[in-house]
Protein backbone atom coordinates (compact mmCIF):
# COMPACT_ATOMS: atom_id res chain seq x y z
CA UNK A 1 101.04 61.61 104.87
CA UNK A 2 98.73 63.17 102.30
CA UNK A 3 96.10 63.89 104.94
CA UNK A 4 98.66 65.60 107.24
CA UNK A 5 99.98 67.70 104.36
CA UNK A 6 96.45 68.78 103.45
CA UNK A 7 95.74 69.56 107.11
CA UNK A 8 98.88 71.71 107.28
CA UNK A 9 97.89 73.73 104.22
CA UNK A 10 94.34 74.34 105.37
CA UNK A 11 95.17 75.43 108.90
CA UNK A 12 98.18 77.60 108.16
CA UNK A 13 98.14 80.86 110.06
CA UNK A 14 100.32 83.90 109.50
CA UNK A 15 99.55 85.99 112.61
CA UNK A 16 101.90 83.89 114.73
CA UNK A 17 104.74 84.32 112.26
CA UNK A 18 104.05 88.06 112.13
CA UNK A 19 104.01 88.29 115.93
CA UNK A 20 107.31 86.44 116.30
CA UNK A 21 108.83 88.65 113.61
CA UNK A 22 107.62 91.77 115.42
CA UNK A 23 109.13 90.58 118.70
CA UNK A 24 112.45 89.75 117.03
CA UNK A 25 112.69 93.03 115.12
CA UNK A 26 111.59 95.02 118.18
CA UNK A 27 114.50 93.55 120.11
CA UNK A 28 116.91 93.90 117.21
CA UNK A 29 116.31 97.61 116.59
CA UNK A 30 116.17 98.37 120.31
CA UNK A 31 119.59 96.73 120.64
CA UNK A 32 120.90 98.73 117.67
CA UNK A 33 119.74 102.00 119.26
CA UNK A 34 121.20 101.18 122.67
CA UNK A 35 124.42 100.02 121.00
CA UNK A 36 124.90 103.58 119.71
CA UNK A 37 125.31 104.81 123.29
CA UNK A 38 127.04 101.99 125.16
CA UNK A 39 129.54 99.22 124.57
CA UNK A 40 128.26 97.09 127.45
CA UNK A 41 126.64 93.96 126.03
CA UNK A 42 124.77 93.42 129.32
CA UNK A 43 123.10 96.83 129.04
CA UNK A 44 122.25 96.22 125.39
CA UNK A 45 120.57 92.91 126.24
CA UNK A 46 118.80 94.42 129.26
CA UNK A 47 117.36 97.36 127.33
CA UNK A 48 116.45 95.24 124.31
CA UNK A 49 114.61 92.82 126.59
CA UNK A 50 112.85 95.79 128.16
CA UNK A 51 111.57 96.85 124.74
CA UNK A 52 110.43 93.30 123.98
CA UNK A 53 108.42 92.94 127.20
CA UNK A 54 107.11 96.53 127.21
CA UNK A 55 103.48 96.46 128.37
CA UNK A 56 102.22 98.71 125.58
CA UNK A 57 103.81 96.42 122.99
CA UNK A 58 102.31 93.29 124.53
CA UNK A 59 98.93 95.05 124.97
CA UNK A 60 98.74 96.10 121.34
CA UNK A 61 99.51 92.67 119.98
CA UNK A 62 97.65 90.57 122.54
CA UNK A 63 94.79 92.38 124.25
CA UNK A 64 93.85 94.73 121.42
CA UNK A 65 94.13 91.90 118.90
CA UNK A 66 95.61 94.42 116.50
CA UNK A 67 98.76 92.74 115.22
CA UNK A 68 99.61 95.59 112.84
CA UNK A 69 100.27 97.86 115.81
CA UNK A 70 102.86 95.36 116.96
CA UNK A 71 105.06 96.75 114.20
CA UNK A 72 106.61 99.28 116.54
CA UNK A 73 109.93 98.02 115.22
CA UNK A 74 109.28 100.22 112.18
CA UNK A 75 109.43 103.28 114.41
CA UNK A 76 112.49 101.94 116.18
CA UNK A 77 114.14 101.41 112.79
CA UNK A 78 113.35 105.01 111.79
CA UNK A 79 114.69 106.28 115.11
CA UNK A 80 117.83 104.19 114.63
CA UNK A 81 118.31 105.65 111.13
CA UNK A 82 117.83 109.13 112.58
CA UNK A 83 120.25 108.67 115.47
CA UNK A 84 122.91 106.93 113.39
CA UNK A 85 122.65 109.67 110.74
CA UNK A 86 121.85 107.14 108.00
CA UNK A 87 122.09 108.89 104.65
CA UNK A 88 121.27 105.94 102.40
CA UNK A 89 118.23 106.94 100.39
CA UNK A 90 117.21 103.38 99.52
CA UNK A 91 116.97 102.39 103.19
CA UNK A 92 114.67 105.30 104.02
CA UNK A 93 112.55 104.59 100.93
CA UNK A 94 112.30 100.89 101.78
CA UNK A 95 111.23 101.78 105.32
CA UNK A 96 108.49 104.06 103.98
CA UNK A 97 107.24 101.36 101.61
CA UNK A 98 107.19 98.71 104.35
CA UNK A 99 105.41 101.06 106.74
CA UNK A 100 102.71 101.72 104.15
CA UNK A 101 102.20 98.00 103.68
CA UNK A 102 101.86 97.41 107.42
CA UNK A 103 99.98 100.30 108.98
CA UNK A 104 99.19 103.83 107.82
CA UNK A 105 99.70 105.25 111.34
CA UNK A 106 103.27 103.99 111.30
CA UNK A 107 103.78 105.60 107.89
CA UNK A 108 102.78 109.00 109.15
CA UNK A 109 105.18 108.72 112.07
CA UNK A 110 108.01 107.47 109.85
CA UNK A 111 107.49 110.37 107.46
CA UNK A 112 107.60 112.81 110.40
CA UNK A 113 110.86 111.24 111.57
CA UNK A 114 112.25 111.63 108.04
CA UNK A 115 111.25 115.29 107.99
CA UNK A 116 112.94 115.76 111.38
CA UNK A 117 116.05 113.98 110.11
CA UNK A 118 116.23 116.16 107.01
CA UNK A 119 115.73 119.35 109.03
CA UNK A 120 118.41 118.38 111.54
CA UNK A 121 120.77 117.34 108.76
CA UNK A 122 120.15 120.61 106.93
CA UNK A 123 120.88 122.76 109.96
CA UNK A 124 123.93 120.77 111.06
CA UNK A 125 125.55 120.33 107.65
CA UNK A 126 128.55 122.31 106.64
CA UNK A 127 128.40 121.70 102.92
CA UNK A 128 125.85 122.35 100.24
CA UNK A 129 126.13 118.75 99.00
CA UNK A 130 124.82 117.40 102.31
CA UNK A 131 121.81 119.71 102.12
CA UNK A 132 121.09 118.57 98.56
CA UNK A 133 121.39 114.94 99.67
CA UNK A 134 119.02 115.60 102.58
CA UNK A 135 116.46 117.08 100.18
CA UNK A 136 116.88 114.01 97.94
CA UNK A 137 116.07 111.78 100.93
CA UNK A 138 112.94 113.81 101.63
CA UNK A 139 111.76 113.88 98.03
CA UNK A 140 112.46 110.18 97.47
CA UNK A 141 110.57 109.32 100.65
CA UNK A 142 107.50 111.32 99.67
CA UNK A 143 107.56 110.02 96.08
CA UNK A 144 107.80 106.48 97.45
CA UNK A 145 104.94 107.28 99.80
CA UNK A 146 102.74 108.47 96.95
CA UNK A 147 103.60 105.49 94.74
CA UNK A 148 103.09 103.02 97.61
CA UNK A 149 99.71 104.51 98.46
CA UNK A 150 98.71 104.44 94.80
CA UNK A 151 99.79 100.82 94.34
CA UNK A 152 98.00 99.80 97.55
CA UNK A 153 94.78 101.42 96.30
CA UNK A 154 94.39 104.36 98.65
CA UNK A 155 93.45 106.67 95.78
CA UNK A 156 91.00 104.30 94.12
CA UNK A 157 87.91 105.49 95.99
CA UNK A 158 85.89 107.75 93.69
CA UNK A 159 84.84 110.47 96.13
CA UNK A 160 87.18 109.82 99.02
CA UNK A 161 86.21 108.22 102.28
CA UNK A 162 82.87 109.55 103.45
CA UNK A 163 81.32 106.77 105.47
CA UNK A 164 77.63 106.29 106.01
CA UNK A 165 75.21 107.77 108.49
CA UNK A 166 76.89 108.71 111.76
CA UNK A 167 80.37 107.99 110.37
CA UNK A 168 80.02 110.30 107.42
CA UNK A 169 82.82 112.87 107.20
CA UNK A 170 83.02 116.03 105.13
CA UNK A 171 84.93 119.29 105.02
CA UNK A 172 82.64 120.97 107.54
CA UNK A 173 82.80 118.13 110.07
CA UNK A 174 85.75 119.72 111.82
CA UNK A 175 83.66 122.82 112.54
CA UNK A 176 80.20 121.37 113.11
CA UNK A 177 79.88 117.59 112.96
CA UNK A 178 76.10 117.77 112.79
CA UNK A 179 76.20 119.31 109.31
CA UNK A 180 77.91 116.45 107.49
CA UNK A 181 77.31 113.81 110.13
CA UNK A 182 74.00 111.96 110.30
CA UNK A 183 72.08 112.29 107.09
CA UNK A 184 69.00 110.49 105.88
CA UNK A 185 70.08 110.91 102.25
CA UNK A 186 73.33 108.95 102.61
């Protein structure tokens, strides 16, 4: 028994648990989105299954061996919040924090969805209180984003991310990559 327990602790892997979680949450949030538009349980199951077996989803997790990109459920959650007109600040903030912990690309997309939500809420609102609440959602999301990035260490690099040699990046790289690109002094 002791040998089996030791074997279990040594060979524990978390990628499988993460992958199963991504599949489950992908289906869950797809079902929640489809449920906003139909009451047919058969259609909800059909569309949720379609999201689960989507080739791009399977490709990102399996072929690319990039399990973080399997967190498309984060985007589906943000889209669900947008479509259901979710005005709970803590849910948006939690989504931003989770997206920062998983993948920075997802965070950028979630923040864009939040900006779109706040803009649409601002233009469709009839009261000043709703506009103020929308601005609170936006500010709380960006404050959470800054704090999350700080806690995760994104601001701890002394001079920013420059890279070495060919991968070096500077302010002039956008205009002429040869200027701040390959350098013998890096």
